[in-house]
Amino acid sequence: MLHILQSNTDKLQNLILPDSVQKAHLTETVSKLSHMDYRQLLTEMVQEAGWIIFKIVIAFVIYFVGKQLIKWVIRLMDKAFLRHKVETSLRTFLRSLVKVLLMVVLILAIVQTLGINASSFLALFASAGLAIGMALSGTLQNFAGGVVLLILRPYKVGDYIEAQGQSGTVDEIGLFQTRLKTPDHQTIYVPNNSIATSIIDNYSQSELRRVEWVLSISYGDDVDVARREILAMLGEDKRVLPDPAAVVYVKTLNSSSVDLTIRAWVANSDFWPLYYDMNERMYKELPAKGINFPFPQMDVNIKNNK
């Protein structure tokens, strides 16, 4: 232990220069300053400062010109997409991707103008990108999920979908997330990776949809009358397709009701309007035809064991 302390003390003493050496260094520095041409030094500093300011101004010019060029390229892309009728979801994704790539090129041009070695900057950028990529692995997975969604195309902008417990109309498919608009105008952002790896219900992909109701009627009511009246209601509505024809089945004999299943086919856009309209019509019109809607009830028998 003492040997270690002694060794560390010797090293510390070696780091501290003697007074004579320090005075010699001070004298040498003063001598260099006394023989220096200050005018030349000031001229060189002004020239160097002017060159630095010039490069900064050029960098700003490149930045603003580059921003305008990027906007011009994006406008050209939008016109080309519209001319070739590229799907909105793919258009949005490619637009965002090209914009990011062009911004990276602009940054590299500015860095090169400022005199920074682009290769060194790229190496530093790659190292930082690796570290950031490891830290933001979930974000990169969302980017990959966005690419998968655009390739497989399980939905597009304007479709009404349900995924990850959320439902709404697809408003935008971005690089990292999908934006949904709910019927009550809420905005929901769902990560692309979550959607790409989950079950997706797309309610807008098919042109036709089957509407189904379950109607409970009382025991003793005539099922044939109920069927005839329900089919007549459906037949009067022009939104109901004649083929496949609407049907009414006895689904279940419950403890206090007879449950009927009613099915009809409509255009996708007429699904909910027809569903709610028929609910109201059946509630208002069927009781007048002798069809009643039962309430839950229980029969209790009391025995007197005297």
C-alpha atoms as a PDB file:
ATOM      1  CA  MET A   1       0.000   0.000   0.000  1.00  0.00           C
ATOM      2  CA  LEU A   2       2.803   2.437   0.887  1.00  0.00           C
ATOM      3  CA  HIS A   3       4.571   1.533  -2.315  1.00  0.00           C
ATOM      4  CA  ILE A   4       1.486   2.471  -4.352  1.00  0.00           C
ATOM      5  CA  LEU A   5       1.117   5.797  -2.530  1.00  0.00           C
ATOM      6  CA  GLN A   6       4.781   6.583  -3.095  1.00  0.00           C
ATOM      7  CA  SER A   7       4.467   5.765  -6.796  1.00  0.00           C
ATOM      8  CA  ASN A   8       1.437   8.053  -7.181  1.00  0.00           C
ATOM      9  CA  THR A   9       3.253  10.866  -5.353  1.00  0.00           C
ATOM     10  CA  ASP A  10       6.223  10.593  -7.702  1.00  0.00           C
ATOM     11  CA  LYS A  11       3.937  10.773 -10.721  1.00  0.00           C
ATOM     12  CA  LEU A  12       2.202  13.862  -9.330  1.00  0.00           C
ATOM     13  CA  GLN A  13       5.550  15.566  -8.764  1.00  0.00           C
ATOM     14  CA  ASN A  14       6.549  14.815 -12.344  1.00  0.00           C
ATOM     15  CA  LEU A  15       3.399  16.529 -13.579  1.00  0.00           C
ATOM     16  CA  ILE A  16       4.189  19.747 -11.680  1.00  0.00           C
ATOM     17  CA  LEU A  17       6.894  21.664 -13.504  1.00  0.00           C
ATOM     18  CA  PRO A  18       9.625  23.389 -11.497  1.00  0.00           C
ATOM     19  CA  ASP A  19       9.500  27.185 -11.198  1.00  0.00           C
ATOM     20  CA  SER A  20      12.554  27.609 -13.438  1.00  0.00           C
ATOM     21  CA  VAL A  21      10.935  25.662 -16.255  1.00  0.00           C
ATOM     22  CA  GLN A  22       7.676  27.592 -15.894  1.00  0.00           C
ATOM     23  CA  LYS A  23       9.563  30.926 -16.024  1.00  0.00           C
ATOM     24  CA  ALA A  24      11.425  29.810 -19.142  1.00  0.00           C
ATOM     25  CA  HIS A  25       8.136  28.934 -20.891  1.00  0.00           C
ATOM     26  CA  LEU A  26       6.640  32.294 -19.899  1.00  0.00           C
ATOM     27  CA  THR A  27       9.688  34.154 -21.240  1.00  0.00           C
ATOM     28  CA  GLU A  28       9.496  32.280 -24.546  1.00  0.00           C
ATOM     29  CA  THR A  29       5.795  33.090 -24.942  1.00  0.00           C
ATOM     30  CA  VAL A  30       6.340  36.795 -24.222  1.00  0.00           C
ATOM     31  CA  SER A  31       9.225  36.865 -26.727  1.00  0.00           C
ATOM     32  CA  LYS A  32       7.007  35.376 -29.470  1.00  0.00           C
ATOM     33  CA  LEU A  33       4.263  37.894 -28.778  1.00  0.00           C
ATOM     34  CA  SER A  34       6.700  40.831 -28.863  1.00  0.00           C
ATOM     35  CA  HIS A  35       8.015  39.859 -32.320  1.00  0.00           C
ATOM     36  CA  MET A  36       4.528  39.157 -33.804  1.00  0.00           C
ATOM     37  CA  ASP A  37       3.191  41.367 -36.602  1.00  0.00           C
ATOM     38  CA  TYR A  38      -0.216  42.382 -35.249  1.00  0.00           C
ATOM     39  CA  ARG A  39      -1.291  44.015 -38.490  1.00  0.00           C
ATOM     40  CA  GLN A  40      -0.723  40.813 -40.374  1.00  0.00           C
ATOM     41  CA  LEU A  41      -2.528  38.838 -37.665  1.00  0.00           C
ATOM     42  CA  LEU A  42      -5.513  41.221 -37.747  1.00  0.00           C
ATOM     43  CA  THR A  43      -5.617  41.089 -41.565  1.00  0.00           C
ATOM     44  CA  GLU A  44      -5.620  37.301 -41.527  1.00  0.00           C
ATOM     45  CA  MET A  45      -8.371  37.235 -38.892  1.00  0.00           C
ATOM     46  CA  VAL A  46     -10.538  39.642 -40.914  1.00  0.00           C
ATOM     47  CA  GLN A  47     -10.001  37.625 -44.085  1.00  0.00           C
ATOM     48  CA  GLU A  48     -10.809  34.394 -42.297  1.00  0.00           C
ATOM     49  CA  ALA A  49     -13.927  35.904 -40.691  1.00  0.00           C
ATOM     50  CA  GLY A  50     -15.047  37.257 -44.078  1.00  0.00           C
ATOM     51  CA  TRP A  51     -14.617  33.841 -45.676  1.00  0.00           C
ATOM     52  CA  ILE A  52     -16.581  32.176 -42.887  1.00  0.00           C
ATOM     53  CA  ILE A  53     -19.410  34.717 -43.197  1.00  0.00           C
ATOM     54  CA  PHE A  54     -19.412  34.230 -46.980  1.00  0.00           C
ATOM     55  CA  LYS A  55     -19.774  30.464 -46.573  1.00  0.00           C
ATOM     56  CA  ILE A  56     -22.575  30.914 -44.063  1.00  0.00           C
ATOM     57  CA  VAL A  57     -24.415  33.234 -46.465  1.00  0.00           C
ATOM     58  CA  ILE A  58     -23.950  30.735 -49.306  1.00  0.00           C
ATOM     59  CA  ALA A  59     -25.264  27.952 -47.011  1.00  0.00           C
ATOM     60  CA  PHE A  60     -28.398  30.000 -46.261  1.00  0.00           C
ATOM     61  CA  VAL A  61     -28.909  30.654 -49.977  1.00  0.00           C
ATOM     62  CA  ILE A  62     -28.563  26.928 -50.725  1.00  0.00           C
ATOM     63  CA  TYR A  63     -31.044  26.161 -47.943  1.00  0.00           C
ATOM     64  CA  PHE A  64     -33.769  28.510 -49.198  1.00  0.00           C
ATOM     65  CA  VAL A  65     -33.226  27.601 -52.858  1.00  0.00           C
ATOM     66  CA  GLY A  66     -33.215  23.901 -51.935  1.00  0.00           C
ATOM     67  CA  LYS A  67     -36.482  24.282 -50.016  1.00  0.00           C
ATOM     68  CA  GLN A  68     -38.120  25.839 -53.053  1.00  0.00           C
ATOM     69  CA  LEU A  69     -36.770  23.108 -55.314  1.00  0.00           C
ATOM     70  CA  ILE A  70     -38.127  20.428 -52.974  1.00  0.00           C
ATOM     71  CA  LYS A  71     -41.559  22.066 -53.028  1.00  0.00           C
ATOM     72  CA  TRP A  72     -41.385  22.215 -56.828  1.00  0.00           C
ATOM     73  CA  VAL A  73     -40.453  18.519 -57.067  1.00  0.00           C
ATOM     74  CA  ILE A  74     -43.295  17.578 -54.705  1.00  0.00           C
ATOM     75  CA  ARG A  75     -45.763  19.570 -56.820  1.00  0.00           C
ATOM     76  CA  LEU A  76     -44.551  17.788 -59.945  1.00  0.00           C
ATOM     77  CA  MET A  77     -45.002  14.449 -58.185  1.00  0.00           C
ATOM     78  CA  ASP A  78     -48.548  15.364 -57.142  1.00  0.00           C
ATOM     79  CA  LYS A  79     -49.433  16.300 -60.734  1.00  0.00           C
ATOM     80  CA  ALA A  80     -47.922  13.064 -62.032  1.00  0.00           C
ATOM     81  CA  PHE A  81     -49.809  11.031 -59.430  1.00  0.00           C
ATOM     82  CA  LEU A  82     -53.087  12.699 -60.365  1.00  0.00           C
ATOM     83  CA  ARG A  83     -52.433  12.206 -64.087  1.00  0.00           C
ATOM     84  CA  HIS A  84     -51.699   8.495 -63.639  1.00  0.00           C
ATOM     85  CA  LYS A  85     -54.444   8.090 -60.966  1.00  0.00           C
ATOM     86  CA  VAL A  86     -52.098   6.727 -58.312  1.00  0.00           C
ATOM     87  CA  GLU A  87     -53.936   5.575 -55.195  1.00  0.00           C
ATOM     88  CA  THR A  88     -54.119   8.213 -52.459  1.00  0.00           C
ATOM     89  CA  SER A  89     -52.488   6.062 -49.762  1.00  0.00           C
ATOM     90  CA  LEU A  90     -49.501   5.196 -51.978  1.00  0.00           C
ATOM     91  CA  ARG A  91     -49.284   8.814 -53.130  1.00  0.00           C
ATOM     92  CA  THR A  92     -49.072  10.101 -49.548  1.00  0.00           C
ATOM     93  CA  PHE A  93     -46.428   7.555 -48.569  1.00  0.00           C
ATOM     94  CA  LEU A  94     -44.177   8.200 -51.593  1.00  0.00           C
ATOM     95  CA  ARG A  95     -44.575  11.953 -51.182  1.00  0.00           C
ATOM     96  CA  SER A  96     -43.372  11.808 -47.562  1.00  0.00           C
ATOM     97  CA  LEU A  97     -40.510   9.440 -48.400  1.00  0.00           C
ATOM     98  CA  VAL A  98     -39.189  11.566 -51.301  1.00  0.00           C
ATOM     99  CA  LYS A  99     -39.437  14.716 -49.212  1.00  0.00           C
ATOM    100  CA  VAL A 100     -37.337  13.167 -46.435  1.00  0.00           C
ATOM    101  CA  LEU A 101     -34.683  11.938 -48.892  1.00  0.00           C
ATOM    102  CA  LEU A 102     -34.447  15.333 -50.586  1.00  0.00           C
ATOM    103  CA  MET A 103     -34.068  17.040 -47.212  1.00  0.00           C
ATOM    104  CA  VAL A 104     -31.154  14.716 -46.391  1.00  0.00           C
ATOM    105  CA  VAL A 105     -29.484  15.619 -49.708  1.00  0.00           C
ATOM    106  CA  LEU A 106     -30.009  19.333 -48.965  1.00  0.00           C
ATOM    107  CA  ILE A 107     -28.420  18.981 -45.524  1.00  0.00           C
ATOM    108  CA  LEU A 108     -25.396  17.220 -47.030  1.00  0.00           C
ATOM    109  CA  ALA A 109     -25.003  20.025 -49.585  1.00  0.00           C
ATOM    110  CA  ILE A 110     -25.082  22.642 -46.819  1.00  0.00           C
ATOM    111  CA  VAL A 111     -22.551  20.707 -44.761  1.00  0.00           C
ATOM    112  CA  GLN A 112     -20.226  20.449 -47.770  1.00  0.00           C
ATOM    113  CA  THR A 113     -20.543  24.199 -48.391  1.00  0.00           C
ATOM    114  CA  LEU A 114     -19.575  24.997 -44.798  1.00  0.00           C
ATOM    115  CA  GLY A 115     -16.324  23.117 -45.349  1.00  0.00           C
ATOM    116  CA  ILE A 116     -17.148  20.054 -43.295  1.00  0.00           C
ATOM    117  CA  ASN A 117     -15.881  16.796 -44.759  1.00  0.00           C
ATOM    118  CA  ALA A 118     -18.979  15.095 -46.113  1.00  0.00           C
ATOM    119  CA  SER A 119     -17.512  11.597 -45.759  1.00  0.00           C
ATOM    120  CA  SER A 120     -16.714  12.221 -42.098  1.00  0.00           C
ATOM    121  CA  PHE A 121     -20.168  13.692 -41.635  1.00  0.00           C
ATOM    122  CA  LEU A 122     -21.732  10.655 -43.291  1.00  0.00           C
ATOM    123  CA  ALA A 123     -19.738   8.342 -41.059  1.00  0.00           C
ATOM    124  CA  LEU A 124     -20.856  10.314 -38.018  1.00  0.00           C
ATOM    125  CA  PHE A 125     -24.409  10.363 -39.343  1.00  0.00           C
ATOM    126  CA  ALA A 126     -24.329   6.594 -39.905  1.00  0.00           C
ATOM    127  CA  SER A 127     -23.038   5.978 -36.388  1.00  0.00           C
ATOM    128  CA  ALA A 128     -25.644   8.287 -34.927  1.00  0.00           C
ATOM    129  CA  GLY A 129     -28.276   6.671 -37.134  1.00  0.00           C
ATOM    130  CA  LEU A 130     -27.334   3.242 -35.824  1.00  0.00           C
ATOM    131  CA  ALA A 131     -27.575   4.409 -32.226  1.00  0.00           C
ATOM    132  CA  ILE A 132     -30.848   6.218 -32.874  1.00  0.00           C
ATOM    133  CA  GLY A 133     -32.160   3.220 -34.805  1.00  0.00           C
ATOM    134  CA  MET A 134     -31.479   0.935 -31.864  1.00  0.00           C
ATOM    135  CA  ALA A 135     -33.144   3.413 -29.515  1.00  0.00           C
ATOM    136  CA  LEU A 136     -36.102   3.905 -31.855  1.00  0.00           C
ATOM    137  CA  SER A 137     -36.508   0.341 -33.036  1.00  0.00           C
ATOM    138  CA  GLY A 138     -40.264   0.605 -32.602  1.00  0.00           C
ATOM    139  CA  THR A 139     -40.403   3.609 -34.924  1.00  0.00           C
ATOM    140  CA  LEU A 140     -38.440   1.740 -37.584  1.00  0.00           C
ATOM    141  CA  GLN A 141     -40.830  -1.176 -37.209  1.00  0.00           C
ATOM    142  CA  ASN A 142     -43.682   1.242 -37.840  1.00  0.00           C
ATOM    143  CA  PHE A 143     -41.923   2.417 -41.010  1.00  0.00           C
ATOM    144  CA  ALA A 144     -41.545  -1.189 -42.157  1.00  0.00           C
ATOM    145  CA  GLY A 145     -45.196  -1.760 -41.277  1.00  0.00           C
ATOM    146  CA  GLY A 146     -46.166   1.181 -43.487  1.00  0.00           C
ATOM    147  CA  VAL A 147     -44.241  -0.331 -46.405  1.00  0.00           C
ATOM    148  CA  VAL A 148     -45.985  -3.688 -45.849  1.00  0.00           C
ATOM    149  CA  LEU A 149     -49.406  -2.010 -45.764  1.00  0.00           C
ATOM    150  CA  LEU A 150     -48.734  -0.213 -49.044  1.00  0.00           C
ATOM    151  CA  ILE A 151     -47.546  -3.426 -50.707  1.00  0.00           C
ATOM    152  CA  LEU A 152     -50.340  -5.688 -49.451  1.00  0.00           C
ATOM    153  CA  ARG A 153     -52.964  -2.901 -49.490  1.00  0.00           C
ATOM    154  CA  PRO A 154     -55.483  -4.358 -47.001  1.00  0.00           C
ATOM    155  CA  TYR A 155     -57.136  -0.921 -46.971  1.00  0.00           C
ATOM    156  CA  LYS A 156     -56.871   2.466 -48.668  1.00  0.00           C
ATOM    157  CA  VAL A 157     -57.723   6.065 -47.876  1.00  0.00           C
ATOM    158  CA  GLY A 158     -61.507   6.375 -47.531  1.00  0.00           C
ATOM    159  CA  ASP A 159     -62.096   2.809 -46.281  1.00  0.00           C
ATOM    160  CA  TYR A 160     -63.892   2.224 -42.993  1.00  0.00           C
ATOM    161  CA  ILE A 161     -61.826  -0.258 -40.981  1.00  0.00           C
ATOM    162  CA  GLU A 162     -61.530  -1.734 -37.514  1.00  0.00           C
ATOM    163  CA  ALA A 163     -58.109  -2.721 -36.124  1.00  0.00           C
ATOM    164  CA  GLN A 164     -56.412  -2.803 -32.734  1.00  0.00           C
ATOM    165  CA  GLY A 165     -59.722  -2.068 -31.034  1.00  0.00           C
ATOM    166  CA  GLN A 166     -60.143   1.179 -33.020  1.00  0.00           C
ATOM    167  CA  SER A 167     -62.489   1.877 -35.903  1.00  0.00           C
ATOM    168  CA  GLY A 168     -62.924   4.762 -38.305  1.00  0.00           C
ATOM    169  CA  THR A 169     -62.451   5.991 -41.849  1.00  0.00           C
ATOM    170  CA  VAL A 170     -58.836   5.928 -43.081  1.00  0.00           C
ATOM    171  CA  ASP A 171     -57.808   9.568 -43.534  1.00  0.00           C
ATOM    172  CA  GLU A 172     -54.087   9.118 -44.191  1.00  0.00           C
ATOM    173  CA  ILE A 173     -51.478   6.332 -44.345  1.00  0.00           C
ATOM    174  CA  GLY A 174     -48.219   7.951 -43.204  1.00  0.00           C
ATOM    175  CA  LEU A 175     -44.657   6.726 -42.901  1.00  0.00           C
ATOM    176  CA  PHE A 176     -45.126   5.604 -39.310  1.00  0.00           C
ATOM    177  CA  GLN A 177     -48.835   5.664 -38.505  1.00  0.00           C
ATOM    178  CA  THR A 178     -52.324   5.496 -39.958  1.00  0.00           C
ATOM    179  CA  ARG A 179     -54.761   8.291 -39.193  1.00  0.00           C
ATOM    180  CA  LEU A 180     -58.427   7.387 -38.672  1.00  0.00           C
ATOM    181  CA  LYS A 181     -61.458   9.667 -38.488  1.00  0.00           C
ATOM    182  CA  THR A 182     -64.300   8.347 -36.327  1.00  0.00           C
ATOM    183  CA  PRO A 183     -67.988   9.058 -37.145  1.00  0.00           C
ATOM    184  CA  ASP A 184     -68.041  11.646 -34.307  1.00  0.00           C
ATOM    185  CA  HIS A 185     -64.975  13.380 -35.872  1.00  0.00           C
ATOM    186  CA  GLN A 186     -62.339  12.168 -33.451  1.00  0.00           C
ATOM    187  CA  THR A 187     -58.850  11.638 -34.862  1.00  0.00           C
ATOM    188  CA  ILE A 188     -57.067   8.398 -33.960  1.00  0.00           C
ATOM    189  CA  TYR A 189     -53.422   7.633 -34.803  1.00  0.00           C
ATOM    190  CA  VAL A 190     -52.614   3.907 -34.933  1.00  0.00           C
ATOM    191  CA  PRO A 191     -48.960   2.744 -35.384  1.00  0.00           C
ATOM    192  CA  ASN A 192     -48.467   1.011 -38.721  1.00  0.00           C
ATOM    193  CA  ASN A 193     -46.624  -1.939 -37.187  1.00  0.00           C
ATOM    194  CA  SER A 194     -49.577  -2.652 -34.888  1.00  0.00           C
ATOM    195  CA  ILE A 195     -52.023  -2.659 -37.790  1.00  0.00           C
ATOM    196  CA  ALA A 196     -49.748  -4.642 -40.124  1.00  0.00           C
ATOM    197  CA  THR A 197     -49.509  -7.477 -37.585  1.00  0.00           C
ATOM    198  CA  SER A 198     -53.145  -7.478 -36.446  1.00  0.00           C
ATOM    199  CA  ILE A 199     -56.543  -8.558 -37.717  1.00  0.00           C
ATOM    200  CA  ILE A 200     -58.108  -5.855 -39.915  1.00  0.00           C
ATOM    201  CA  ASP A 201     -61.852  -5.626 -40.568  1.00  0.00           C
ATOM    202  CA  ASN A 202     -62.345  -3.650 -43.778  1.00  0.00           C
ATOM    203  CA  TYR A 203     -66.030  -2.779 -44.112  1.00  0.00           C
ATOM    204  CA  SER A 204     -65.599  -0.823 -47.350  1.00  0.00           C
ATOM    205  CA  GLN A 205     -63.801  -3.326 -49.558  1.00  0.00           C
ATOM    206  CA  SER A 206     -66.937  -5.131 -50.780  1.00  0.00           C
ATOM    207  CA  GLU A 207     -69.591  -3.401 -52.844  1.00  0.00           C
ATOM    208  CA  LEU A 208     -72.422  -5.292 -51.139  1.00  0.00           C
ATOM    209  CA  ARG A 209     -73.115  -6.017 -47.477  1.00  0.00           C
ATOM    210  CA  ARG A 210     -75.645  -8.160 -45.683  1.00  0.00           C
ATOM    211  CA  VAL A 211     -77.758  -6.446 -43.042  1.00  0.00           C
ATOM    212  CA  GLU A 212     -78.950  -8.639 -40.185  1.00  0.00           C
ATOM    213  CA  TRP A 213     -81.515  -8.015 -37.457  1.00  0.00           C
ATOM    214  CA  VAL A 214     -82.539 -10.215 -34.537  1.00  0.00           C
ATOM    215  CA  LEU A 215     -86.170  -9.557 -33.593  1.00  0.00           C
ATOM    216  CA  SER A 216     -87.856 -11.088 -30.532  1.00  0.00           C
ATOM    217  CA  ILE A 217     -91.614 -11.725 -30.660  1.00  0.00           C
ATOM    218  CA  SER A 218     -93.958 -13.156 -28.033  1.00  0.00           C
ATOM    219  CA  TYR A 219     -94.973 -16.795 -27.770  1.00  0.00           C
ATOM    220  CA  GLY A 220     -98.376 -17.197 -29.377  1.00  0.00           C
ATOM    221  CA  ASP A 221     -97.762 -14.623 -32.114  1.00  0.00           C
ATOM    222  CA  ASP A 222     -98.083 -15.905 -35.653  1.00  0.00           C
ATOM    223  CA  VAL A 223     -94.592 -16.362 -37.110  1.00  0.00           C
ATOM    224  CA  ASP A 224     -95.992 -16.468 -40.674  1.00  0.00           C
ATOM    225  CA  VAL A 225     -97.668 -13.101 -40.193  1.00  0.00           C
ATOM    226  CA  ALA A 226     -94.466 -11.628 -38.755  1.00  0.00           C
ATOM    227  CA  ARG A 227     -92.470 -13.008 -41.696  1.00  0.00           C
ATOM    228  CA  ARG A 228     -94.937 -11.694 -44.258  1.00  0.00           C
ATOM    229  CA  GLU A 229     -95.051  -8.187 -42.776  1.00  0.00           C
ATOM    230  CA  ILE A 230     -91.267  -7.933 -42.394  1.00  0.00           C
ATOM    231  CA  LEU A 231     -90.624  -9.077 -45.963  1.00  0.00           C
ATOM    232  CA  ALA A 232     -93.238  -6.581 -47.176  1.00  0.00           C
ATOM    233  CA  MET A 233     -91.404  -3.763 -45.394  1.00  0.00           C
ATOM    234  CA  LEU A 234     -88.121  -4.809 -46.937  1.00  0.00           C
ATOM    235  CA  GLY A 235     -89.679  -5.176 -50.371  1.00  0.00           C
ATOM    236  CA  GLU A 236     -91.034  -1.607 -50.235  1.00  0.00           C
ATOM    237  CA  ASP A 237     -87.561  -0.184 -49.612  1.00  0.00           C
ATOM    238  CA  LYS A 238     -85.673   0.368 -52.877  1.00  0.00           C
ATOM    239  CA  ARG A 239     -82.324   0.075 -51.092  1.00  0.00           C
ATOM    240  CA  VAL A 240     -82.904  -3.637 -50.461  1.00  0.00           C
ATOM    241  CA  LEU A 241     -81.586  -5.751 -53.333  1.00  0.00           C
ATOM    242  CA  PRO A 242     -83.987  -8.306 -54.840  1.00  0.00           C
ATOM    243  CA  ASP A 243     -81.141 -10.758 -55.436  1.00  0.00           C
ATOM    244  CA  PRO A 244     -80.103 -12.284 -53.076  1.00  0.00           C
ATOM    245  CA  ALA A 245     -83.620 -12.083 -51.672  1.00  0.00           C
ATOM    246  CA  ALA A 246     -84.364 -11.080 -48.097  1.00  0.00           C
ATOM    247  CA  VAL A 247     -85.161 -13.938 -45.676  1.00  0.00           C
ATOM    248  CA  VAL A 248     -86.684 -14.356 -42.204  1.00  0.00           C
ATOM    249  CA  TYR A 249     -85.800 -17.401 -40.054  1.00  0.00           C
ATOM    250  CA  VAL A 250     -86.793 -18.590 -36.595  1.00  0.00           C
ATOM    251  CA  LYS A 251     -83.436 -18.415 -34.846  1.00  0.00           C
ATOM    252  CA  THR A 252     -84.003 -19.354 -31.189  1.00  0.00           C
ATOM    253  CA  LEU A 253     -86.813 -20.363 -28.871  1.00  0.00           C
ATOM    254  CA  ASN A 254     -85.834 -18.401 -25.787  1.00  0.00           C
ATOM    255  CA  SER A 255     -87.341 -18.670 -22.338  1.00  0.00           C
ATOM    256  CA  SER A 256     -89.687 -15.708 -22.887  1.00  0.00           C
ATOM    257  CA  SER A 257     -89.510 -14.954 -26.631  1.00  0.00           C
ATOM    258  CA  VAL A 258     -89.190 -16.345 -30.120  1.00  0.00           C
ATOM    259  CA  ASP A 259     -86.146 -14.824 -31.828  1.00  0.00           C
ATOM    260  CA  LEU A 260     -86.293 -14.186 -35.579  1.00  0.00           C
ATOM    261  CA  THR A 261     -83.248 -13.592 -37.779  1.00  0.00           C
ATOM    262  CA  ILE A 262     -83.831 -11.156 -40.646  1.00  0.00           C
ATOM    263  CA  ARG A 263     -81.287 -10.816 -43.461  1.00  0.00           C
ATOM    264  CA  ALA A 264     -81.189  -8.541 -46.492  1.00  0.00           C
ATOM    265  CA  TRP A 265     -78.512  -7.400 -48.958  1.00  0.00           C
ATOM    266  CA  VAL A 266     -77.797  -3.751 -49.720  1.00  0.00           C
ATOM    267  CA  ALA A 267     -75.102  -1.558 -51.252  1.00  0.00           C
ATOM    268  CA  ASN A 268     -72.268  -0.868 -48.834  1.00  0.00           C
ATOM    269  CA  SER A 269     -73.158   2.797 -48.463  1.00  0.00           C
ATOM    270  CA  ASP A 270     -76.795   1.935 -47.516  1.00  0.00           C
ATOM    271  CA  PHE A 271     -75.920  -0.462 -44.691  1.00  0.00           C
ATOM    272  CA  TRP A 272     -76.398   1.759 -41.642  1.00  0.00           C
ATOM    273  CA  PRO A 273     -79.228   3.963 -42.999  1.00  0.00           C
ATOM    274  CA  LEU A 274     -81.316   0.878 -43.825  1.00  0.00           C
ATOM    275  CA  TYR A 275     -80.460  -0.807 -40.522  1.00  0.00           C
ATOM    276  CA  TYR A 276     -81.717   2.110 -38.401  1.00  0.00           C
ATOM    277  CA  ASP A 277     -84.752   2.839 -40.627  1.00  0.00           C
ATOM    278  CA  MET A 278     -85.962  -0.757 -40.448  1.00  0.00           C
ATOM    279  CA  ASN A 279     -85.520  -0.866 -36.674  1.00  0.00           C
ATOM    280  CA  GLU A 280     -87.893   2.073 -36.388  1.00  0.00           C
ATOM    281  CA  ARG A 281     -90.407   0.721 -38.915  1.00  0.00           C
ATOM    282  CA  MET A 282     -90.617  -2.694 -37.257  1.00  0.00           C
ATOM    283  CA  TYR A 283     -91.100  -1.105 -33.831  1.00  0.00           C
ATOM    284  CA  LYS A 284     -93.891   1.157 -35.078  1.00  0.00           C
ATOM    285  CA  GLU A 285     -95.747  -1.099 -37.551  1.00  0.00           C
ATOM    286  CA  LEU A 286     -95.538  -4.687 -36.283  1.00  0.00           C
ATOM    287  CA  PRO A 287     -97.669  -4.216 -33.131  1.00  0.00           C
ATOM    288  CA  ALA A 288    -100.554  -3.018 -35.353  1.00  0.00           C
ATOM    289  CA  LYS A 289    -100.373  -6.405 -37.140  1.00  0.00           C
ATOM    290  CA  GLY A 290    -100.674  -8.375 -33.895  1.00  0.00           C
ATOM    291  CA  ILE A 291     -96.930  -8.918 -33.380  1.00  0.00           C
ATOM    292  CA  ASN A 292     -95.792  -8.069 -29.842  1.00  0.00           C
ATOM    293  CA  PHE A 293     -92.347  -7.549 -28.346  1.00  0.00           C
ATOM    294  CA  PRO A 294     -92.101  -9.412 -25.030  1.00  0.00           C
ATOM    295  CA  PHE A 295     -90.485  -8.180 -21.842  1.00  0.00           C
ATOM    296  CA  PRO A 296     -88.284 -10.560 -19.853  1.00  0.00           C
ATOM    297  CA  GLN A 297     -90.526 -12.361 -17.372  1.00  0.00           C
ATOM    298  CA  MET A 298     -90.392 -15.169 -14.853  1.00  0.00           C
ATOM    299  CA  ASP A 299     -93.236 -17.357 -13.591  1.00  0.00           C
ATOM    300  CA  VAL A 300     -93.052 -18.101  -9.837  1.00  0.00           C
ATOM    301  CA  ASN A 301     -95.221 -20.908  -8.402  1.00  0.00           C
ATOM    302  CA  ILE A 302     -95.758 -20.947  -4.636  1.00  0.00           C
ATOM    303  CA  LYS A 303     -96.702 -24.259  -3.067  1.00  0.00           C
ATOM    304  CA  ASN A 304     -98.425 -24.402   0.291  1.00  0.00           C
ATOM    305  CA  ASN A 305     -97.136 -27.481   2.095  1.00  0.00           C
ATOM    306  CA  LYS A 306     -99.418 -27.575   5.134  1.00  0.00           C
END
